[in-house]
Every structure is written in C-alpha cells, then in structure tokens.
Amino acid sequence: MAGSEPVTSPDQHKPGHRKAGRIGAVLSALALLAMLCGNHEGKVEDIWLVGLAVLLLAVVIGDAVLRRNGLRS
C-alpha cells in the first residue's frame, strides 16, 4: 500500500485559502477589540487586547504588501 502513494511533506501540500485566513484574522482582531467593553478595572487587559489586535492586523497588512510587491508567492 505505501508503495502506491507518493510520500510528501506537509509543506508540499496545497495551502489553504488565503482570503479566508485574512478574513479570519480581521474578524479575530475585531473580536479582541470588542472585549474592551467589559467590567474589568485594570488596564493590563486592555493593553494585551489592543496589542494582539494590532499585531494580527499588522501581519495581514504586511502579507498583503509583500504579495503586491512580488516578494512573497
């Protein structure tokens, strides 16, 4: 059985849908920002939520810029 199927590594498989990943990252960032409305008193939670949302959006924007400039396939 193993001789009939080619052996491939995970990076050789077809990648997932790029647009779905971008939409998921933006929706996750919006969900993180929506968590700012809550009953917590400390600002440490707010800093983490905003920081993670900004990081997600920076990755999405950076990926779009690199793909537009042809630096990423």
C-alpha atoms as a PDB file:
ATOM      1  CA  MET A   1       0.000   0.000   0.000  1.00  0.00           C
ATOM      2  CA  ALA A   2       2.682   2.516   0.902  1.00  0.00           C
ATOM      3  CA  GLY A   3       4.448   1.972  -2.408  1.00  0.00           C
ATOM      4  CA  SER A   4       1.483   3.158  -4.484  1.00  0.00           C
ATOM      5  CA  GLU A   5       1.159   6.604  -2.894  1.00  0.00           C
ATOM      6  CA  PRO A   6       3.878   9.251  -3.157  1.00  0.00           C
ATOM      7  CA  VAL A   7       5.460  10.364   0.074  1.00  0.00           C
ATOM      8  CA  THR A   8       5.067  14.109   0.583  1.00  0.00           C
ATOM      9  CA  SER A   9       5.869  16.509   3.363  1.00  0.00           C
ATOM     10  CA  PRO A  10       3.278  18.902   4.795  1.00  0.00           C
ATOM     11  CA  ASP A  11       4.828  21.920   3.071  1.00  0.00           C
ATOM     12  CA  GLN A  12       4.266  20.294  -0.325  1.00  0.00           C
ATOM     13  CA  HIS A  13       0.512  20.151   0.147  1.00  0.00           C
ATOM     14  CA  LYS A  14      -1.719  22.806  -1.338  1.00  0.00           C
ATOM     15  CA  PRO A  15      -2.039  25.720   1.095  1.00  0.00           C
ATOM     16  CA  GLY A  16      -5.396  26.772   2.450  1.00  0.00           C
ATOM     17  CA  HIS A  17      -7.482  29.644   1.216  1.00  0.00           C
ATOM     18  CA  ARG A  18      -5.538  32.877   1.658  1.00  0.00           C
ATOM     19  CA  LYS A  19      -8.624  35.101   1.609  1.00  0.00           C
ATOM     20  CA  ALA A  20     -10.324  33.049   4.325  1.00  0.00           C
ATOM     21  CA  GLY A  21      -7.250  33.411   6.511  1.00  0.00           C
ATOM     22  CA  ARG A  22      -7.240  37.171   6.081  1.00  0.00           C
ATOM     23  CA  ILE A  23     -10.941  37.418   6.876  1.00  0.00           C
ATOM     24  CA  GLY A  24     -10.461  35.201   9.940  1.00  0.00           C
ATOM     25  CA  ALA A  25      -7.593  37.350  11.212  1.00  0.00           C
ATOM     26  CA  VAL A  26      -9.567  40.580  10.784  1.00  0.00           C
ATOM     27  CA  LEU A  27     -12.635  39.095  12.499  1.00  0.00           C
ATOM     28  CA  SER A  28     -10.446  37.861  15.356  1.00  0.00           C
ATOM     29  CA  ALA A  29      -8.929  41.327  15.747  1.00  0.00           C
ATOM     30  CA  LEU A  30     -12.419  42.844  15.848  1.00  0.00           C
ATOM     31  CA  ALA A  31     -13.480  40.286  18.464  1.00  0.00           C
ATOM     32  CA  LEU A  32     -10.442  41.189  20.573  1.00  0.00           C
ATOM     33  CA  LEU A  33     -11.318  44.872  20.341  1.00  0.00           C
ATOM     34  CA  ALA A  34     -14.931  44.107  21.264  1.00  0.00           C
ATOM     35  CA  MET A  35     -13.647  42.565  24.502  1.00  0.00           C
ATOM     36  CA  LEU A  36     -12.533  46.023  25.630  1.00  0.00           C
ATOM     37  CA  CYS A  37     -16.129  46.656  26.691  1.00  0.00           C
ATOM     38  CA  GLY A  38     -16.247  44.773  29.944  1.00  0.00           C
ATOM     39  CA  ASN A  39     -16.267  45.019  33.684  1.00  0.00           C
ATOM     40  CA  HIS A  40     -12.516  44.740  34.235  1.00  0.00           C
ATOM     41  CA  GLU A  41     -10.842  47.566  36.107  1.00  0.00           C
ATOM     42  CA  GLY A  42      -7.179  47.086  35.235  1.00  0.00           C
ATOM     43  CA  LYS A  43      -5.600  48.429  32.072  1.00  0.00           C
ATOM     44  CA  VAL A  44      -3.232  45.483  31.585  1.00  0.00           C
ATOM     45  CA  GLU A  45      -6.008  43.516  29.886  1.00  0.00           C
ATOM     46  CA  ASP A  46      -6.731  46.435  27.582  1.00  0.00           C
ATOM     47  CA  ILE A  47      -3.070  46.695  26.587  1.00  0.00           C
ATOM     48  CA  TRP A  48      -2.904  42.979  25.730  1.00  0.00           C
ATOM     49  CA  LEU A  49      -6.163  43.042  23.764  1.00  0.00           C
ATOM     50  CA  VAL A  50      -5.189  46.089  21.727  1.00  0.00           C
ATOM     51  CA  GLY A  51      -1.639  44.819  21.240  1.00  0.00           C
ATOM     52  CA  LEU A  52      -2.766  41.437  19.938  1.00  0.00           C
ATOM     53  CA  ALA A  53      -5.353  43.029  17.644  1.00  0.00           C
ATOM     54  CA  VAL A  54      -2.738  45.401  16.232  1.00  0.00           C
ATOM     55  CA  LEU A  55      -0.322  42.500  15.756  1.00  0.00           C
ATOM     56  CA  LEU A  56      -2.920  40.495  13.812  1.00  0.00           C
ATOM     57  CA  LEU A  57      -3.754  43.444  11.584  1.00  0.00           C
ATOM     58  CA  ALA A  58      -0.061  44.208  11.028  1.00  0.00           C
ATOM     59  CA  VAL A  59       0.538  40.634   9.861  1.00  0.00           C
ATOM     60  CA  VAL A  60      -2.405  40.820   7.438  1.00  0.00           C
ATOM     61  CA  ILE A  61      -1.305  44.194   6.057  1.00  0.00           C
ATOM     62  CA  GLY A  62       2.341  43.110   5.836  1.00  0.00           C
ATOM     63  CA  ASP A  63       1.365  39.960   3.958  1.00  0.00           C
ATOM     64  CA  ALA A  64      -0.754  41.957   1.501  1.00  0.00           C
ATOM     65  CA  VAL A  65       2.055  44.444   0.866  1.00  0.00           C
ATOM     66  CA  LEU A  66       4.653  41.714   0.338  1.00  0.00           C
ATOM     67  CA  ARG A  67       2.393  39.842  -2.074  1.00  0.00           C
ATOM     68  CA  ARG A  68       1.606  43.004  -4.041  1.00  0.00           C
ATOM     69  CA  ASN A  69       5.309  43.773  -4.417  1.00  0.00           C
ATOM     70  CA  GLY A  70       6.046  40.213  -5.531  1.00  0.00           C
ATOM     71  CA  LEU A  71       8.289  39.437  -2.586  1.00  0.00           C
ATOM     72  CA  ARG A  72       6.100  36.547  -1.491  1.00  0.00           C
ATOM     73  CA  SER A  73       4.397  33.859  -3.531  1.00  0.00           C
END
